[in-house]
């Protein structure tokens, strides 16, 4: 039994060393423990650990019993009891070491698996951030393109506004020139109308003079 316990301890120590150093064997060992912790694996592990713990308590009880027997005899322990005491002490120490190393292996496996899960979650977050940044870059490019298009349209509208303003200013100048020209025409028309009236009055006066001279001659 002692050889079996030593074999288990050395196996557990080897497993701990494999957990410490990163290698393909560690990956295989982690996958094996993952499978072991599924289904009925935890129940089997707890059963074996409980059995080892019971045997450990039995060895401790045997040591206490042998020690009590030596005290009852007078403090002298015979060679047989000494051998049994040493055997039980060695077995108890080996089984306690097995339980302690098993706990260490379980904790190491748990922490390594949690570390792997956190690394995966961090990688997923980094990918999301990259995709979000890429989306922001594309959105920024689209907005820049839209802004440049709007600026070009604004420049075109400004140029059209300048052309329309020039046309309006030209039309206003033409309208002012036409209004001044029409005012000149109206003044000229008034002058011609006045001259026409003067000529008519002169003609009428001349007609009256002629008619008077004619009437005198006849008399």
N, C-alpha and C. Protein backbone atom coordinates (compact mmCIF):
# COMPACT_ATOMS: atom_id res chain seq x y z
N UNK A 1 0.83 -1.22 0.00
CA UNK A 1 0.00 0.00 0.00
C UNK A 1 0.86 1.26 0.00
N UNK A 2 1.99 1.19 0.72
CA UNK A 2 2.86 2.36 0.79
C UNK A 2 3.43 2.68 -0.59
N UNK A 3 3.78 1.65 -1.34
CA UNK A 3 4.29 1.89 -2.70
C UNK A 3 3.23 2.54 -3.59
N UNK A 4 1.99 2.10 -3.42
CA UNK A 4 0.90 2.70 -4.18
C UNK A 4 0.73 4.17 -3.82
N UNK A 5 0.82 4.48 -2.50
CA UNK A 5 0.68 5.87 -2.07
C UNK A 5 1.81 6.73 -2.63
N UNK A 6 3.06 6.19 -2.60
CA UNK A 6 4.18 6.94 -3.18
C UNK A 6 3.98 7.18 -4.68
N UNK A 7 3.44 6.16 -5.36
CA UNK A 7 3.18 6.30 -6.80
C UNK A 7 2.17 7.41 -7.06
N UNK A 8 1.11 7.43 -6.24
CA UNK A 8 0.08 8.48 -6.41
C UNK A 8 0.67 9.85 -6.14
N UNK A 9 1.49 9.97 -5.08
CA UNK A 9 2.09 11.27 -4.76
C UNK A 9 3.00 11.75 -5.88
N UNK A 10 3.85 10.85 -6.38
CA UNK A 10 4.74 11.27 -7.48
C UNK A 10 3.95 11.65 -8.74
N UNK A 11 2.85 10.92 -8.96
CA UNK A 11 2.00 11.25 -10.13
C UNK A 11 1.39 12.64 -9.95
N UNK A 12 0.90 12.93 -8.74
CA UNK A 12 0.31 14.25 -8.50
C UNK A 12 1.36 15.36 -8.60
N UNK A 13 2.56 15.11 -8.10
CA UNK A 13 3.62 16.11 -8.22
C UNK A 13 3.96 16.36 -9.69
N UNK A 14 3.98 15.29 -10.48
CA UNK A 14 4.24 15.44 -11.92
C UNK A 14 3.14 16.25 -12.59
N UNK A 15 1.89 16.00 -12.18
CA UNK A 15 0.78 16.77 -12.74
C UNK A 15 0.90 18.25 -12.38
N UNK A 16 1.31 18.56 -11.14
CA UNK A 16 1.48 19.95 -10.74
C UNK A 16 2.57 20.62 -11.56
N UNK A 17 3.68 19.91 -11.79
CA UNK A 17 4.74 20.46 -12.62
C UNK A 17 4.26 20.70 -14.05
N UNK A 18 3.44 19.80 -14.56
CA UNK A 18 2.90 19.98 -15.91
C UNK A 18 1.96 21.19 -15.96
N UNK A 19 1.24 21.43 -14.87
CA UNK A 19 0.38 22.61 -14.82
C UNK A 19 1.19 23.90 -14.80
N UNK A 20 2.35 23.87 -14.15
CA UNK A 20 3.15 25.08 -14.02
C UNK A 20 3.74 25.50 -15.35
N UNK A 21 4.25 24.56 -16.14
CA UNK A 21 4.92 24.87 -17.40
C UNK A 21 3.97 24.64 -18.56
N UNK A 22 3.94 25.63 -19.46
CA UNK A 22 3.06 25.55 -20.62
C UNK A 22 3.62 24.59 -21.66
N UNK A 23 2.82 23.60 -22.02
CA UNK A 23 3.25 22.59 -22.99
C UNK A 23 2.00 21.92 -23.57
N UNK A 24 2.15 21.18 -24.66
CA UNK A 24 0.99 20.45 -25.21
C UNK A 24 0.42 19.43 -24.24
N UNK A 25 1.30 18.88 -23.37
CA UNK A 25 0.81 17.89 -22.40
C UNK A 25 -0.12 18.55 -21.40
N UNK A 26 0.18 19.83 -21.04
CA UNK A 26 -0.70 20.53 -20.10
C UNK A 26 -2.09 20.71 -20.71
N UNK A 27 -2.14 21.03 -21.99
CA UNK A 27 -3.44 21.18 -22.65
C UNK A 27 -4.22 19.88 -22.63
N UNK A 28 -3.54 18.77 -22.90
CA UNK A 28 -4.20 17.46 -22.86
C UNK A 28 -4.66 17.14 -21.44
N UNK A 29 -3.83 17.50 -20.44
CA UNK A 29 -4.19 17.23 -19.05
C UNK A 29 -5.41 18.05 -18.64
N UNK A 30 -5.46 19.30 -19.07
CA UNK A 30 -6.61 20.15 -18.74
C UNK A 30 -7.88 19.61 -19.38
N UNK A 31 -7.76 19.16 -20.64
CA UNK A 31 -8.93 18.58 -21.30
C UNK A 31 -9.39 17.32 -20.59
N UNK A 32 -8.44 16.51 -20.11
CA UNK A 32 -8.80 15.29 -19.39
C UNK A 32 -9.52 15.62 -18.09
N UNK A 33 -9.02 16.60 -17.35
CA UNK A 33 -9.68 16.99 -16.11
C UNK A 33 -11.05 17.61 -16.37
N UNK A 34 -11.17 18.33 -17.47
CA UNK A 34 -12.49 18.88 -17.84
C UNK A 34 -13.50 17.76 -18.06
N UNK A 35 -13.06 16.73 -18.77
CA UNK A 35 -13.95 15.59 -19.00
C UNK A 35 -14.25 14.86 -17.70
N UNK A 36 -13.23 14.78 -16.81
CA UNK A 36 -13.42 14.07 -15.55
C UNK A 36 -14.44 14.77 -14.65
N UNK A 37 -14.51 16.09 -14.75
CA UNK A 37 -15.43 16.85 -13.91
C UNK A 37 -16.84 16.93 -14.48
N UNK A 38 -17.07 16.23 -15.58
CA UNK A 38 -18.41 16.20 -16.16
C UNK A 38 -19.11 14.88 -15.79
N UNK A 39 -20.42 14.93 -15.73
CA UNK A 39 -21.18 13.71 -15.49
C UNK A 39 -20.96 13.16 -14.08
N UNK A 40 -20.57 11.89 -14.03
CA UNK A 40 -20.35 11.24 -12.73
C UNK A 40 -18.94 11.39 -12.22
N UNK A 41 -18.09 12.10 -12.94
CA UNK A 41 -16.69 12.25 -12.52
C UNK A 41 -16.54 12.87 -11.15
N UNK A 42 -17.21 14.00 -10.86
CA UNK A 42 -17.07 14.60 -9.52
C UNK A 42 -17.50 13.67 -8.40
N UNK A 43 -18.54 12.87 -8.64
CA UNK A 43 -19.00 11.93 -7.60
C UNK A 43 -17.93 10.88 -7.32
N UNK A 44 -17.30 10.36 -8.38
CA UNK A 44 -16.24 9.35 -8.22
C UNK A 44 -15.04 9.94 -7.49
N UNK A 45 -14.66 11.17 -7.86
CA UNK A 45 -13.51 11.81 -7.20
C UNK A 45 -13.80 12.02 -5.72
N UNK A 46 -15.01 12.50 -5.41
CA UNK A 46 -15.37 12.71 -4.01
C UNK A 46 -15.41 11.40 -3.23
N UNK A 47 -15.86 10.33 -3.90
CA UNK A 47 -15.90 9.02 -3.24
C UNK A 47 -14.49 8.54 -2.91
N UNK A 48 -13.57 8.67 -3.88
CA UNK A 48 -12.18 8.25 -3.63
C UNK A 48 -11.54 9.11 -2.54
N UNK A 49 -11.77 10.43 -2.59
CA UNK A 49 -11.22 11.30 -1.56
C UNK A 49 -11.79 10.97 -0.19
N UNK A 50 -13.11 10.68 -0.13
CA UNK A 50 -13.71 10.30 1.15
C UNK A 50 -13.12 9.00 1.67
N UNK A 51 -12.88 8.04 0.78
CA UNK A 51 -12.29 6.76 1.19
C UNK A 51 -10.88 6.98 1.75
N UNK A 52 -10.09 7.80 1.05
CA UNK A 52 -8.73 8.08 1.52
C UNK A 52 -8.76 8.78 2.87
N UNK A 53 -9.72 9.71 3.02
CA UNK A 53 -9.83 10.41 4.29
C UNK A 53 -10.22 9.45 5.42
N UNK A 54 -11.12 8.52 5.14
CA UNK A 54 -11.53 7.53 6.16
C UNK A 54 -10.34 6.66 6.54
N UNK A 55 -9.55 6.19 5.56
CA UNK A 55 -8.37 5.38 5.86
C UNK A 55 -7.36 6.18 6.65
N UNK A 56 -7.23 7.51 6.30
CA UNK A 56 -6.34 8.38 7.06
C UNK A 56 -6.77 8.46 8.52
N UNK A 57 -8.07 8.66 8.74
CA UNK A 57 -8.56 8.71 10.11
C UNK A 57 -8.36 7.38 10.84
N UNK A 58 -8.48 6.29 10.08
CA UNK A 58 -8.25 4.98 10.69
C UNK A 58 -6.80 4.83 11.12
N UNK A 59 -5.87 5.31 10.29
CA UNK A 59 -4.45 5.24 10.67
C UNK A 59 -4.16 6.12 11.88
N UNK A 60 -4.77 7.32 11.90
CA UNK A 60 -4.59 8.20 13.06
C UNK A 60 -5.16 7.54 14.31
N UNK A 61 -6.31 6.93 14.17
CA UNK A 61 -6.93 6.23 15.31
C UNK A 61 -6.03 5.08 15.78
N UNK A 62 -5.44 4.34 14.86
CA UNK A 62 -4.54 3.24 15.23
C UNK A 62 -3.32 3.78 15.95
N UNK A 63 -2.77 4.92 15.47
CA UNK A 63 -1.61 5.51 16.16
C UNK A 63 -1.96 5.92 17.57
N UNK A 64 -3.15 6.56 17.73
CA UNK A 64 -3.58 6.96 19.07
C UNK A 64 -3.79 5.76 19.96
N UNK A 65 -4.31 4.70 19.37
CA UNK A 65 -4.56 3.48 20.14
C UNK A 65 -3.25 2.85 20.60
N UNK A 66 -2.26 2.80 19.69
CA UNK A 66 -0.96 2.22 20.05
C UNK A 66 -0.28 3.08 21.11
N UNK A 67 -0.38 4.41 20.95
CA UNK A 67 0.24 5.28 21.94
C UNK A 67 -0.43 5.14 23.31
N UNK A 68 -1.75 5.00 23.30
CA UNK A 68 -2.48 4.83 24.55
C UNK A 68 -2.13 3.51 25.21
N UNK A 69 -1.94 2.48 24.36
CA UNK A 69 -1.56 1.17 24.88
C UNK A 69 -0.18 1.25 25.55
N UNK A 70 0.75 1.98 24.94
CA UNK A 70 2.08 2.11 25.55
C UNK A 70 2.03 2.86 26.85
N UNK A 71 1.12 3.86 26.93
CA UNK A 71 0.99 4.60 28.18
C UNK A 71 0.42 3.70 29.26
N UNK A 72 -0.52 2.86 28.88
CA UNK A 72 -1.12 1.95 29.86
C UNK A 72 -0.10 0.94 30.36
N UNK A 73 0.78 0.51 29.52
CA UNK A 73 1.77 -0.49 29.91
C UNK A 73 2.82 0.12 30.84
N UNK A 74 3.02 1.42 30.73
CA UNK A 74 4.02 2.07 31.58
C UNK A 74 4.95 2.95 30.80
N UNK A 75 4.51 3.35 29.61
CA UNK A 75 5.32 4.24 28.81
C UNK A 75 6.31 3.52 27.92
N UNK A 76 6.30 2.19 27.98
CA UNK A 76 7.23 1.41 27.15
C UNK A 76 6.45 0.81 26.00
N UNK A 77 6.92 1.10 24.77
CA UNK A 77 6.26 0.57 23.58
C UNK A 77 7.13 -0.54 23.01
N UNK A 78 6.52 -1.69 22.81
CA UNK A 78 7.30 -2.82 22.29
C UNK A 78 7.68 -2.58 20.82
N UNK A 79 8.66 -3.31 20.29
CA UNK A 79 9.12 -3.10 18.90
C UNK A 79 8.02 -3.28 17.86
N UNK A 80 7.11 -4.22 18.11
CA UNK A 80 6.04 -4.43 17.14
C UNK A 80 5.15 -3.20 17.03
N UNK A 81 4.80 -2.64 18.20
CA UNK A 81 3.99 -1.43 18.19
C UNK A 81 4.74 -0.26 17.56
N UNK A 82 6.06 -0.21 17.79
CA UNK A 82 6.85 0.86 17.17
C UNK A 82 6.81 0.75 15.64
N UNK A 83 6.93 -0.49 15.15
CA UNK A 83 6.87 -0.69 13.69
C UNK A 83 5.50 -0.30 13.16
N UNK A 84 4.45 -0.76 13.90
CA UNK A 84 3.09 -0.42 13.47
C UNK A 84 2.86 1.09 13.53
N UNK A 85 3.42 1.72 14.61
CA UNK A 85 3.28 3.17 14.76
C UNK A 85 3.93 3.91 13.58
N UNK A 86 5.15 3.46 13.22
CA UNK A 86 5.85 4.09 12.10
C UNK A 86 5.10 3.86 10.79
N UNK A 87 4.56 2.66 10.63
CA UNK A 87 3.82 2.34 9.41
C UNK A 87 2.57 3.20 9.29
N UNK A 88 1.81 3.28 10.38
CA UNK A 88 0.59 4.10 10.34
C UNK A 88 0.91 5.58 10.16
N UNK A 89 2.00 6.03 10.80
CA UNK A 89 2.39 7.43 10.65
C UNK A 89 2.78 7.74 9.20
N UNK A 90 3.53 6.83 8.60
CA UNK A 90 3.91 7.02 7.20
C UNK A 90 2.70 7.00 6.29
N UNK A 91 1.79 6.06 6.53
CA UNK A 91 0.58 5.99 5.70
C UNK A 91 -0.26 7.26 5.86
N UNK A 92 -0.43 7.72 7.12
CA UNK A 92 -1.22 8.92 7.36
C UNK A 92 -0.58 10.13 6.67
N UNK A 93 0.75 10.23 6.77
CA UNK A 93 1.45 11.36 6.13
C UNK A 93 1.28 11.31 4.61
N UNK A 94 1.43 10.10 4.04
CA UNK A 94 1.29 9.97 2.58
C UNK A 94 -0.14 10.28 2.13
N UNK A 95 -1.13 9.78 2.89
CA UNK A 95 -2.52 10.04 2.50
C UNK A 95 -2.89 11.51 2.67
N UNK A 96 -2.37 12.17 3.73
CA UNK A 96 -2.59 13.60 3.88
C UNK A 96 -1.95 14.40 2.75
N UNK A 97 -0.75 13.95 2.36
CA UNK A 97 -0.08 14.62 1.23
C UNK A 97 -0.87 14.42 -0.06
N UNK A 98 -1.45 13.23 -0.23
CA UNK A 98 -2.26 12.96 -1.43
C UNK A 98 -3.46 13.88 -1.48
N UNK A 99 -4.16 14.01 -0.33
CA UNK A 99 -5.33 14.89 -0.31
C UNK A 99 -4.94 16.35 -0.56
N UNK A 100 -3.82 16.77 0.06
CA UNK A 100 -3.38 18.15 -0.13
C UNK A 100 -2.98 18.41 -1.59
N UNK A 101 -2.25 17.48 -2.21
CA UNK A 101 -1.85 17.64 -3.61
C UNK A 101 -3.06 17.58 -4.54
N UNK A 102 -4.05 16.77 -4.17
CA UNK A 102 -5.28 16.71 -4.98
C UNK A 102 -6.01 18.05 -4.96
N UNK A 103 -6.05 18.66 -3.75
CA UNK A 103 -6.67 19.97 -3.64
C UNK A 103 -5.90 21.00 -4.47
N UNK A 104 -4.58 20.94 -4.42
CA UNK A 104 -3.77 21.86 -5.22
C UNK A 104 -4.04 21.68 -6.71
N UNK A 105 -4.13 20.42 -7.16
CA UNK A 105 -4.41 20.15 -8.58
C UNK A 105 -5.77 20.70 -8.98
N UNK A 106 -6.77 20.50 -8.11
CA UNK A 106 -8.11 21.01 -8.41
C UNK A 106 -8.11 22.52 -8.51
N UNK A 107 -7.42 23.21 -7.57
CA UNK A 107 -7.37 24.67 -7.61
C UNK A 107 -6.59 25.18 -8.82
N UNK A 108 -5.48 24.53 -9.14
CA UNK A 108 -4.70 24.93 -10.31
C UNK A 108 -5.52 24.78 -11.59
N UNK A 109 -6.25 23.67 -11.69
CA UNK A 109 -7.09 23.45 -12.87
C UNK A 109 -8.18 24.51 -12.95
N UNK A 110 -8.77 24.83 -11.80
CA UNK A 110 -9.83 25.85 -11.79
C UNK A 110 -9.29 27.21 -12.22
N UNK A 111 -8.14 27.60 -11.66
CA UNK A 111 -7.59 28.91 -12.00
C UNK A 111 -7.14 28.98 -13.45
N UNK A 112 -6.54 27.90 -13.96
CA UNK A 112 -6.10 27.90 -15.36
C UNK A 112 -7.30 27.98 -16.29
N UNK A 113 -8.36 27.25 -15.98
CA UNK A 113 -9.56 27.29 -16.81
C UNK A 113 -10.22 28.67 -16.75
N UNK A 114 -10.26 29.26 -15.56
CA UNK A 114 -10.83 30.61 -15.44
C UNK A 114 -9.99 31.63 -16.21
N UNK A 115 -8.65 31.46 -16.15
CA UNK A 115 -7.76 32.35 -16.89
C UNK A 115 -7.99 32.22 -18.39
N UNK A 116 -8.17 31.01 -18.86
CA UNK A 116 -8.44 30.80 -20.29
C UNK A 116 -9.77 31.44 -20.69
N UNK A 117 -10.78 31.28 -19.84
CA UNK A 117 -12.08 31.88 -20.16
C UNK A 117 -11.99 33.41 -20.18
N UNK A 118 -11.23 33.98 -19.26
CA UNK A 118 -11.08 35.44 -19.25
C UNK A 118 -10.29 35.91 -20.46
N UNK A 119 -9.30 35.14 -20.85
CA UNK A 119 -8.56 35.52 -22.06
C UNK A 119 -9.46 35.49 -23.28
N UNK A 120 -10.31 34.46 -23.37
CA UNK A 120 -11.24 34.40 -24.49
C UNK A 120 -12.21 35.57 -24.47
N UNK A 121 -12.73 35.91 -23.28
CA UNK A 121 -13.65 37.04 -23.19
C UNK A 121 -12.95 38.35 -23.55
N UNK A 122 -11.68 38.49 -23.13
CA UNK A 122 -10.93 39.69 -23.49
C UNK A 122 -10.70 39.76 -25.00
N UNK A 123 -10.39 38.63 -25.62
CA UNK A 123 -10.22 38.61 -27.07
C UNK A 123 -11.53 38.97 -27.77
N UNK A 124 -12.66 38.44 -27.24
CA UNK A 124 -13.95 38.79 -27.85
C UNK A 124 -14.24 40.28 -27.70
N UNK A 125 -13.91 40.85 -26.52
CA UNK A 125 -14.11 42.28 -26.32
C UNK A 125 -13.22 43.09 -27.25
N UNK A 126 -11.96 42.64 -27.42
CA UNK A 126 -11.06 43.33 -28.34
C UNK A 126 -11.59 43.28 -29.77
N UNK A 127 -12.12 42.13 -30.18
CA UNK A 127 -12.68 42.02 -31.53
C UNK A 127 -13.88 42.96 -31.68
N UNK A 128 -14.73 43.01 -30.65
CA UNK A 128 -15.88 43.93 -30.70
C UNK A 128 -15.42 45.38 -30.80
N UNK A 129 -14.37 45.72 -30.01
CA UNK A 129 -13.86 47.08 -30.08
C UNK A 129 -13.30 47.39 -31.46
N UNK A 130 -12.59 46.40 -32.04
CA UNK A 130 -12.04 46.62 -33.38
C UNK A 130 -13.16 46.81 -34.40
N UNK A 131 -14.18 45.95 -34.32
CA UNK A 131 -15.29 46.09 -35.26
C UNK A 131 -16.01 47.41 -35.05
N UNK A 132 -16.17 47.82 -33.78
CA UNK A 132 -16.82 49.10 -33.50
C UNK A 132 -15.99 50.26 -34.04
N UNK A 133 -14.65 50.18 -33.85
CA UNK A 133 -13.78 51.23 -34.37
C UNK A 133 -13.81 51.26 -35.89
N UNK A 134 -13.82 50.05 -36.51
CA UNK A 134 -13.92 50.02 -37.97
C UNK A 134 -15.23 50.63 -38.45
N UNK A 135 -16.31 50.31 -37.72
CA UNK A 135 -17.60 50.91 -38.08
C UNK A 135 -17.59 52.42 -37.91
N UNK A 136 -16.93 52.90 -36.84
CA UNK A 136 -16.84 54.34 -36.65
C UNK A 136 -16.02 55.00 -37.76
N UNK A 137 -14.93 54.30 -38.16
CA UNK A 137 -14.10 54.85 -39.24
C UNK A 137 -14.90 54.94 -40.54
N UNK A 138 -15.64 53.86 -40.84
CA UNK A 138 -16.47 53.89 -42.05
C UNK A 138 -17.54 54.98 -41.96
N UNK A 139 -18.15 55.11 -40.79
CA UNK A 139 -19.18 56.15 -40.61
C UNK A 139 -18.57 57.54 -40.75
N UNK A 140 -17.35 57.70 -40.20
CA UNK A 140 -16.67 58.99 -40.32
C UNK A 140 -16.35 59.31 -41.77
N UNK A 141 -15.89 58.29 -42.50
CA UNK A 141 -15.61 58.50 -43.93
C UNK A 141 -16.87 58.88 -44.68
N UNK A 142 -17.97 58.20 -44.37
CA UNK A 142 -19.24 58.53 -45.04
C UNK A 142 -19.67 59.96 -44.71
N UNK A 143 -19.51 60.35 -43.43
CA UNK A 143 -19.87 61.72 -43.05
C UNK A 143 -18.97 62.74 -43.74
N UNK A 144 -17.66 62.41 -43.83
CA UNK A 144 -16.76 63.33 -44.52
C UNK A 144 -17.13 63.48 -45.99
N UNK A 145 -17.50 62.33 -46.62
CA UNK A 145 -17.93 62.39 -48.02
C UNK A 145 -19.19 63.23 -48.17
N UNK A 146 -20.13 63.05 -47.24
CA UNK A 146 -21.38 63.83 -47.30
C UNK A 146 -21.11 65.31 -47.08
N UNK A 147 -20.18 65.62 -46.13
CA UNK A 147 -19.83 67.02 -45.87
C UNK A 147 -19.18 67.65 -47.09
N UNK A 148 -18.26 66.91 -47.74
CA UNK A 148 -17.62 67.45 -48.95
C UNK A 148 -18.65 67.68 -50.06
N UNK A 149 -19.61 66.74 -50.19
CA UNK A 149 -20.66 66.92 -51.19
C UNK A 149 -21.50 68.15 -50.89
N UNK A 150 -21.86 68.33 -49.61
CA UNK A 150 -22.65 69.51 -49.23
C UNK A 150 -21.87 70.79 -49.44
N UNK A 151 -20.55 70.74 -49.18
CA UNK A 151 -19.74 71.93 -49.42
C UNK A 151 -19.69 72.29 -50.90
N UNK A 152 -19.57 71.25 -51.74
CA UNK A 152 -19.60 71.51 -53.19
C UNK A 152 -20.94 72.10 -53.62
N UNK A 153 -22.03 71.55 -53.10
CA UNK A 153 -23.34 72.09 -53.42
C UNK A 153 -23.47 73.54 -52.94
N UNK A 154 -22.92 73.82 -51.73
CA UNK A 154 -22.98 75.17 -51.20
C UNK A 154 -22.20 76.14 -52.09
N UNK A 155 -21.01 75.71 -52.54
CA UNK A 155 -20.24 76.56 -53.45
C UNK A 155 -21.01 76.82 -54.75
N UNK A 156 -21.63 75.74 -55.27
CA UNK A 156 -22.42 75.90 -56.50
C UNK A 156 -23.57 76.86 -56.28
N UNK A 157 -24.26 76.74 -55.14
CA UNK A 157 -25.37 77.65 -54.85
C UNK A 157 -24.88 79.09 -54.68
N UNK A 158 -23.71 79.26 -54.05
CA UNK A 158 -23.16 80.60 -53.90
C UNK A 158 -22.83 81.22 -55.25
N UNK A 159 -22.23 80.40 -56.14
CA UNK A 159 -21.93 80.92 -57.48
C UNK A 159 -23.21 81.28 -58.23
N UNK A 160 -24.24 80.40 -58.12
CA UNK A 160 -25.52 80.72 -58.75
C UNK A 160 -26.13 81.98 -58.15
N UNK A 161 -25.98 82.14 -56.82
CA UNK A 161 -26.52 83.34 -56.18
C UNK A 161 -25.80 84.60 -56.67
N UNK A 162 -24.49 84.49 -56.83
CA UNK A 162 -23.75 85.65 -57.35
C UNK A 162 -24.21 86.00 -58.76
N UNK A 163 -24.40 84.96 -59.60
CA UNK A 163 -24.87 85.22 -60.97
C UNK A 163 -26.24 85.87 -60.94
N UNK A 164 -27.15 85.34 -60.11
CA UNK A 164 -28.50 85.91 -60.03
C UNK A 164 -28.45 87.34 -59.49
N UNK A 165 -27.54 87.57 -58.52
CA UNK A 165 -27.43 88.92 -57.98
C UNK A 165 -26.96 89.90 -59.05
N UNK A 166 -25.97 89.46 -59.85
CA UNK A 166 -25.52 90.31 -60.95
C UNK A 166 -26.64 90.58 -61.95
N UNK A 167 -27.42 89.53 -62.26
CA UNK A 167 -28.54 89.71 -63.17
C UNK A 167 -29.56 90.68 -62.60
N UNK A 168 -29.85 90.56 -61.29
CA UNK A 168 -30.81 91.48 -60.67
C UNK A 168 -30.28 92.91 -60.69
N UNK A 169 -28.97 93.07 -60.38
CA UNK A 169 -28.38 94.41 -60.40
C UNK A 169 -28.45 95.00 -61.81
N UNK A 170 -28.16 94.15 -62.83
CA UNK A 170 -28.25 94.62 -64.22
C UNK A 170 -29.67 95.00 -64.58
N UNK A 171 -30.63 94.16 -64.15
CA UNK A 171 -32.05 94.48 -64.44
C UNK A 171 -32.47 95.77 -63.76
N UNK A 172 -32.00 95.95 -62.49
CA UNK A 172 -32.34 97.19 -61.79
C UNK A 172 -31.74 98.40 -62.51
N UNK A 173 -30.47 98.26 -62.97
CA UNK A 173 -29.84 99.37 -63.71
C UNK A 173 -30.61 99.66 -64.99
N UNK A 174 -31.00 98.61 -65.70
CA UNK A 174 -31.78 98.80 -66.92
C UNK A 174 -33.12 99.46 -66.63
N UNK A 175 -33.73 99.02 -65.53
CA UNK A 175 -35.02 99.61 -65.16
C UNK A 175 -34.87 101.09 -64.83
N UNK A 176 -33.78 101.43 -64.10
CA UNK A 176 -33.55 102.83 -63.77
C UNK A 176 -33.31 103.65 -65.04
N UNK A 177 -32.48 103.06 -65.95
CA UNK A 177 -32.21 103.76 -67.23
C UNK A 177 -33.49 103.95 -68.01
N UNK A 178 -34.34 102.91 -68.05
CA UNK A 178 -35.61 103.03 -68.78
C UNK A 178 -36.54 104.05 -68.15
N UNK A 179 -36.54 104.06 -66.79
CA UNK A 179 -37.41 105.05 -66.14
C UNK A 179 -36.94 106.47 -66.44
N UNK A 180 -35.59 106.66 -66.41
CA UNK A 180 -35.07 107.99 -66.75
C UNK A 180 -35.37 108.35 -68.20
N UNK A 181 -35.23 107.32 -69.09
CA UNK A 181 -35.54 107.58 -70.50
C UNK A 181 -37.01 107.90 -70.69
N UNK A 182 -37.88 107.20 -69.98
CA UNK A 182 -39.32 107.49 -70.10
C UNK A 182 -39.66 108.87 -69.55
N UNK A 183 -38.95 109.26 -68.47
CA UNK A 183 -39.15 110.62 -67.95
C UNK A 183 -38.74 111.67 -68.99
N UNK A 184 -37.60 111.36 -69.68
CA UNK A 184 -37.17 112.28 -70.75
C UNK A 184 -38.20 112.35 -71.87
N UNK A 185 -38.72 111.18 -72.22
CA UNK A 185 -39.78 111.15 -73.26
C UNK A 185 -41.00 111.95 -72.83
N UNK A 186 -41.39 111.82 -71.55
CA UNK A 186 -42.56 112.56 -71.08
C UNK A 186 -42.32 114.07 -71.10
N UNK A 187 -41.10 114.47 -70.69
CA UNK A 187 -40.78 115.90 -70.75
C UNK A 187 -40.80 116.43 -72.19
N UNK A 188 -40.21 115.59 -73.09
CA UNK A 188 -40.19 115.99 -74.50
C UNK A 188 -41.61 116.06 -75.04
N UNK A 189 -42.47 115.13 -74.62
CA UNK A 189 -43.86 115.12 -75.06
C UNK A 189 -44.58 116.35 -74.55
N UNK A 190 -44.32 116.71 -73.32
CA UNK A 190 -44.96 117.92 -72.77
C UNK A 190 -44.50 119.17 -73.54
N UNK A 191 -43.18 119.21 -73.83
CA UNK A 191 -42.66 120.36 -74.57
C UNK A 191 -43.29 120.45 -75.97
N UNK A 192 -43.35 119.26 -76.66
CA UNK A 192 -43.96 119.25 -77.99
C UNK A 192 -45.44 119.62 -77.93
N UNK A 193 -46.10 119.14 -76.87
CA UNK A 193 -47.52 119.47 -76.74
C UNK A 193 -47.71 120.98 -76.52
N UNK A 194 -46.81 121.55 -75.72
CA UNK A 194 -46.91 122.99 -75.47
C UNK A 194 -46.63 123.79 -76.75
N UNK A 195 -45.60 123.33 -77.52
CA UNK A 195 -45.30 124.01 -78.78
C UNK A 195 -46.46 123.90 -79.77
N UNK A 196 -47.10 122.69 -79.76
CA UNK A 196 -48.25 122.50 -80.63
C UNK A 196 -49.37 123.45 -80.27
N UNK A 197 -49.57 123.61 -78.99
CA UNK A 197 -50.63 124.54 -78.57
C UNK A 197 -50.29 125.98 -78.95
N UNK A 198 -49.00 126.33 -78.81
CA UNK A 198 -48.58 127.69 -79.19
C UNK A 198 -48.79 127.91 -80.68
N UNK A 199 -48.38 126.86 -81.46
CA UNK A 199 -48.56 126.99 -82.91
C UNK A 199 -50.04 127.12 -83.27
N UNK A 200 -50.88 126.37 -82.60
CA UNK A 200 -52.32 126.45 -82.88
C UNK A 200 -52.85 127.84 -82.54
N UNK A 201 -52.38 128.34 -81.39
CA UNK A 201 -52.87 129.67 -81.01
C UNK A 201 -52.40 130.74 -82.00
N UNK A 202 -51.11 130.56 -82.48
CA UNK A 202 -50.61 131.50 -83.48
C UNK A 202 -51.41 131.40 -84.78
N UNK A 203 -51.71 130.15 -85.17
CA UNK A 203 -52.50 129.96 -86.39
C UNK A 203 -53.90 130.58 -86.23
N UNK A 204 -54.46 130.38 -85.07
CA UNK A 204 -55.80 130.96 -84.86
C UNK A 204 -55.76 132.48 -84.93
N UNK A 205 -54.68 133.03 -84.32
CA UNK A 205 -54.59 134.50 -84.35
C UNK A 205 -54.36 135.00 -85.78
N UNK A 206 -53.56 134.24 -86.52
CA UNK A 206 -53.32 134.61 -87.92
C UNK A 206 -54.61 134.48 -88.71
N UNK A 207 -55.37 133.44 -88.45
CA UNK A 207 -56.65 133.27 -89.15
C UNK A 207 -57.60 134.44 -88.83
N UNK A 208 -57.63 134.87 -87.60
CA UNK A 208 -58.50 135.97 -87.22
C UNK A 208 -58.07 137.27 -87.92
N UNK A 209 -56.71 137.45 -88.00
CA UNK A 209 -56.22 138.65 -88.68
C UNK A 209 -56.57 138.67 -90.16
N UNK A 210 -56.43 137.53 -90.78
CA UNK A 210 -56.77 137.41 -92.20
C UNK A 210 -58.26 137.65 -92.42
N UNK A 211 -59.07 137.06 -91.57
CA UNK A 211 -60.51 137.23 -91.76
C UNK A 211 -60.93 138.69 -91.55
N UNK A 212 -60.31 139.40 -90.66
CA UNK A 212 -60.64 140.81 -90.43
C UNK A 212 -60.22 141.66 -91.61
N UNK A 213 -58.99 141.37 -92.15
CA UNK A 213 -58.53 142.15 -93.31
C UNK A 213 -59.43 141.91 -94.54
N UNK A 214 -59.87 140.74 -94.69
CA UNK A 214 -60.76 140.38 -95.81
C UNK A 214 -62.10 141.10 -95.68
N UNK A 215 -62.60 141.17 -94.50
CA UNK A 215 -63.89 141.82 -94.29
C UNK A 215 -63.75 143.33 -94.53
N UNK A 216 -62.64 143.95 -94.20
CA UNK A 216 -62.43 145.37 -94.45
C UNK A 216 -62.39 145.67 -95.93
N UNK A 217 -61.69 144.80 -96.69
CA UNK A 217 -61.59 144.99 -98.13
C UNK A 217 -62.98 144.92 -98.77
N UNK A 218 -63.78 144.05 -98.30
CA UNK A 218 -65.09 143.88 -98.90
C UNK A 218 -66.01 145.09 -98.64
N UNK A 219 -65.78 145.73 -97.54
CA UNK A 219 -66.61 146.88 -97.21
C UNK A 219 -66.12 148.11 -97.95
